[in-house]
């Protein structure tokens, strides 16, 4: 069964660029849903299970996604919120290499679980590395998706963005995959607040029809 919500949200974001909205797509590739055999092969190679919600996205939506967005000339300038660009992706086939690189970096740079900053890097399953070398990861215990800053940004490091990977993917697409996460985290509201004032202002600036919000 296809993940209709993710399909609809992705279509809405893509259509922003096709309909003279406030974004332009410079990278877009979406694979077919993963088969059970493909999941089992990667889990065997990793010698660990994939986070369940991440696995659900891979098998009901796409085993790989690469989405890159930038503001177009039509993007409105706002005082309190900005769209500097969007980035969302993952790859089932690329997971073994990603996990190996993540663990090597963590063990070299942030091995001390007693250190407050390094603690955010422990017990995490990486699902994506951003262009700035930071990571998106799933907390193995809570299943929350968190941001991991590789270079000391304490405000972002360990920031929880979604209650699980499927929830994060929906929230991210509701924000046109904007990576300016801090402007969408509101006090008293967990994770990315897709219904907050800044989120609504962002979508309006990009020409997003409110009825399309999933």
Protein backbone atom coordinates (compact mmCIF):
# COMPACT_ATOMS: atom_id res chain seq x y z
CA UNK A 1 0.00 0.00 0.00
CA UNK A 2 1.48 3.32 -1.08
CA UNK A 3 1.96 6.11 1.43
CA UNK A 4 -0.64 8.48 -0.02
CA UNK A 5 0.15 11.36 2.34
CA UNK A 6 3.83 11.47 1.41
CA UNK A 7 2.95 11.08 -2.27
CA UNK A 8 0.54 14.01 -2.08
CA UNK A 9 2.92 16.26 -0.19
CA UNK A 10 5.79 15.53 -2.56
CA UNK A 11 3.56 16.26 -5.54
CA UNK A 12 2.55 19.57 -3.96
CA UNK A 13 6.17 20.60 -3.42
CA UNK A 14 7.17 19.60 -6.95
CA UNK A 15 4.21 21.50 -8.38
CA UNK A 16 5.37 24.69 -6.66
CA UNK A 17 8.24 24.80 -9.13
CA UNK A 18 6.05 23.83 -12.09
CA UNK A 19 3.42 26.47 -11.31
CA UNK A 20 5.71 29.49 -10.94
CA UNK A 21 5.79 29.17 -7.17
CA UNK A 22 8.52 30.42 -4.89
CA UNK A 23 10.83 27.42 -5.30
CA UNK A 24 12.93 25.88 -8.01
CA UNK A 25 13.99 22.25 -8.00
CA UNK A 26 17.63 21.64 -8.87
CA UNK A 27 17.70 17.98 -7.85
CA UNK A 28 14.95 15.39 -7.83
CA UNK A 29 15.09 11.63 -7.99
CA UNK A 30 12.64 9.18 -6.47
CA UNK A 31 13.03 5.43 -6.54
CA UNK A 32 10.44 2.68 -6.37
CA UNK A 33 9.36 1.28 -2.99
CA UNK A 34 11.79 -1.24 -1.55
CA UNK A 35 11.00 -4.94 -1.58
CA UNK A 36 11.23 -7.11 1.53
CA UNK A 37 14.24 -8.86 -0.02
CA UNK A 38 16.05 -5.54 -0.52
CA UNK A 39 15.40 -4.56 3.11
CA UNK A 40 16.60 -7.94 4.38
CA UNK A 41 19.78 -7.72 2.31
CA UNK A 42 20.74 -4.34 3.77
CA UNK A 43 19.80 -5.35 7.32
CA UNK A 44 21.97 -8.45 6.97
CA UNK A 45 24.89 -6.35 5.73
CA UNK A 46 24.44 -3.89 8.60
CA UNK A 47 23.85 -6.68 11.13
CA UNK A 48 21.00 -4.67 12.65
CA UNK A 49 17.36 -3.87 11.86
CA UNK A 50 16.34 -0.62 10.27
CA UNK A 51 14.17 1.70 12.38
CA UNK A 52 10.59 0.60 11.82
CA UNK A 53 9.12 3.92 10.64
CA UNK A 54 12.09 4.41 8.30
CA UNK A 55 11.49 0.93 6.93
CA UNK A 56 7.81 1.79 6.41
CA UNK A 57 8.75 4.81 4.29
CA UNK A 58 11.19 2.74 2.25
CA UNK A 59 8.63 0.02 1.51
CA UNK A 60 5.51 2.17 0.98
CA UNK A 61 6.96 5.34 -0.58
CA UNK A 62 10.48 5.14 -1.97
CA UNK A 63 13.72 3.29 -1.28
CA UNK A 64 15.61 6.40 -2.32
CA UNK A 65 14.81 10.07 -2.58
CA UNK A 66 16.95 13.04 -3.51
CA UNK A 67 15.22 16.41 -3.35
CA UNK A 68 16.97 19.76 -3.57
CA UNK A 69 15.18 23.11 -3.67
CA UNK A 70 16.18 26.74 -3.89
CA UNK A 71 14.14 29.96 -3.78
CA UNK A 72 12.97 31.28 -7.13
CA UNK A 73 12.64 34.91 -8.15
CA UNK A 74 8.96 34.70 -7.19
CA UNK A 75 9.66 33.86 -3.52
CA UNK A 76 8.34 36.62 -1.28
CA UNK A 77 10.68 38.26 1.20
CA UNK A 78 9.40 38.02 4.78
CA UNK A 79 10.74 39.64 7.92
CA UNK A 80 10.43 36.72 10.35
CA UNK A 81 10.82 33.63 8.19
CA UNK A 82 12.93 32.78 5.17
CA UNK A 83 13.32 30.02 2.63
CA UNK A 84 17.01 29.62 1.96
CA UNK A 85 16.63 26.22 0.33
CA UNK A 86 15.35 22.73 0.93
CA UNK A 87 17.02 19.35 1.23
CA UNK A 88 15.52 15.94 1.85
CA UNK A 89 16.83 12.51 0.97
CA UNK A 90 17.79 8.96 1.81
CA UNK A 91 19.05 5.84 0.06
CA UNK A 92 18.56 2.22 1.05
CA UNK A 93 21.49 1.04 -1.07
CA UNK A 94 23.70 3.78 0.36
CA UNK A 95 23.00 2.94 4.00
CA UNK A 96 25.95 0.60 4.64
CA UNK A 97 28.45 3.22 3.49
CA UNK A 98 26.61 6.00 5.36
CA UNK A 99 26.48 4.04 8.61
CA UNK A 100 30.16 3.13 8.36
CA UNK A 101 31.20 6.75 7.77
CA UNK A 102 28.94 7.99 10.55
CA UNK A 103 30.30 5.53 13.09
CA UNK A 104 33.89 6.26 12.14
CA UNK A 105 33.32 10.00 12.60
CA UNK A 106 31.42 9.56 15.88
CA UNK A 107 34.06 7.23 17.31
CA UNK A 108 36.85 9.62 16.33
CA UNK A 109 35.25 12.94 17.28
CA UNK A 110 32.36 12.34 19.71
CA UNK A 111 33.07 9.04 21.51
CA UNK A 112 32.51 10.25 25.08
CA UNK A 113 28.95 9.49 26.17
CA UNK A 114 29.57 11.47 29.38
CA UNK A 115 30.05 14.66 27.37
CA UNK A 116 26.77 16.52 26.91
CA UNK A 117 27.39 17.36 23.24
CA UNK A 118 28.73 13.94 22.30
CA UNK A 119 25.85 12.20 24.07
CA UNK A 120 23.49 13.26 21.28
CA UNK A 121 25.57 11.14 18.88
CA UNK A 122 25.22 7.92 20.85
CA UNK A 123 22.67 5.21 20.04
CA UNK A 124 21.73 6.83 16.72
CA UNK A 125 21.00 5.33 13.31
CA UNK A 126 22.00 7.75 10.52
CA UNK A 127 19.66 8.08 7.56
CA UNK A 128 21.08 11.08 5.71
CA UNK A 129 24.15 13.29 5.54
CA UNK A 130 23.50 16.91 4.61
CA UNK A 131 25.66 18.86 2.19
CA UNK A 132 27.23 20.65 5.18
CA UNK A 133 28.34 17.26 6.63
CA UNK A 134 25.75 17.29 9.44
CA UNK A 135 23.54 14.24 9.88
CA UNK A 136 19.90 13.31 10.17
CA UNK A 137 19.51 10.30 12.44
CA UNK A 138 16.97 8.16 14.26
CA UNK A 139 17.31 7.73 18.01
CA UNK A 140 17.29 3.95 18.41
CA UNK A 141 15.55 4.10 21.79
CA UNK A 142 12.86 6.74 21.22
CA UNK A 143 12.61 6.48 17.39
CA UNK A 144 12.66 10.29 17.21
CA UNK A 145 14.46 11.88 14.28
CA UNK A 146 17.20 14.26 15.42
CA UNK A 147 19.65 16.65 13.83
CA UNK A 148 23.34 16.10 14.58
CA UNK A 149 25.74 18.98 14.05
CA UNK A 150 29.29 17.85 13.30
CA UNK A 151 30.96 21.16 14.10
CA UNK A 152 29.70 22.32 17.47
CA UNK A 153 26.35 24.01 16.85
CA UNK A 154 24.83 23.32 20.28
CA UNK A 155 21.50 24.89 19.34
CA UNK A 156 20.95 22.36 16.55
CA UNK A 157 22.80 19.32 17.86
CA UNK A 158 20.33 16.73 19.13
CA UNK A 159 17.30 18.81 18.09
CA UNK A 160 14.26 16.52 17.74
CA UNK A 161 12.48 17.12 14.42
CA UNK A 162 9.84 14.37 14.33
CA UNK A 163 8.46 11.59 16.53
CA UNK A 164 9.71 9.01 13.99
CA UNK A 165 11.03 9.03 10.46
CA UNK A 166 7.67 8.91 8.72
CA UNK A 167 6.42 11.79 10.86
CA UNK A 168 9.59 13.77 10.09
CA UNK A 169 9.28 13.20 6.34
CA UNK A 170 5.72 14.53 6.38
CA UNK A 171 6.69 17.55 8.46
CA UNK A 172 9.68 18.26 6.23
CA UNK A 173 7.60 18.20 3.06
CA UNK A 174 4.98 20.44 4.71
CA UNK A 175 7.81 22.97 4.99
CA UNK A 176 9.00 22.48 1.39
CA UNK A 177 11.93 20.53 2.86
CA UNK A 178 13.35 23.74 4.35
CA UNK A 179 16.50 23.06 6.36
CA UNK A 180 16.20 26.26 8.40
CA UNK A 181 14.80 24.10 11.18
CA UNK A 182 15.14 26.43 14.15
CA UNK A 183 12.59 28.90 12.82
CA UNK A 184 9.96 26.12 12.88
CA UNK A 185 10.59 24.87 16.41
CA UNK A 186 8.25 26.63 18.83
CA UNK A 187 8.47 26.57 22.60
CA UNK A 188 5.92 24.17 24.05
CA UNK A 189 5.41 22.35 20.75
CA UNK A 190 7.46 19.22 20.06
CA UNK A 191 9.25 18.74 16.76
CA UNK A 192 8.87 20.89 13.64
CA UNK A 193 5.65 22.85 14.01
CA UNK A 194 4.03 22.69 10.58
CA UNK A 195 0.97 24.59 11.82
CA UNK A 196 2.86 27.43 13.49
CA UNK A 197 2.94 31.04 12.39
CA UNK A 198 6.31 30.72 10.68
CA UNK A 199 5.32 27.57 8.83
CA UNK A 200 2.13 29.15 7.51
CA UNK A 201 4.01 32.29 6.48
CA UNK A 202 6.62 30.21 4.65
CA UNK A 203 4.04 28.30 2.64
CA UNK A 204 2.23 31.50 1.76
CA UNK A 205 5.48 33.06 0.55
CA UNK A 206 6.03 30.08 -1.73
CA UNK A 207 2.53 30.12 -3.21
CA UNK A 208 1.44 26.95 -1.43
CA UNK A 209 -2.32 26.35 -1.47
CA UNK A 210 -3.30 25.83 2.19
CA UNK A 211 -5.74 23.10 1.16
CA UNK A 212 -2.78 21.01 -0.01
CA UNK A 213 -1.19 20.85 3.43
CA UNK A 214 -1.16 17.24 4.59
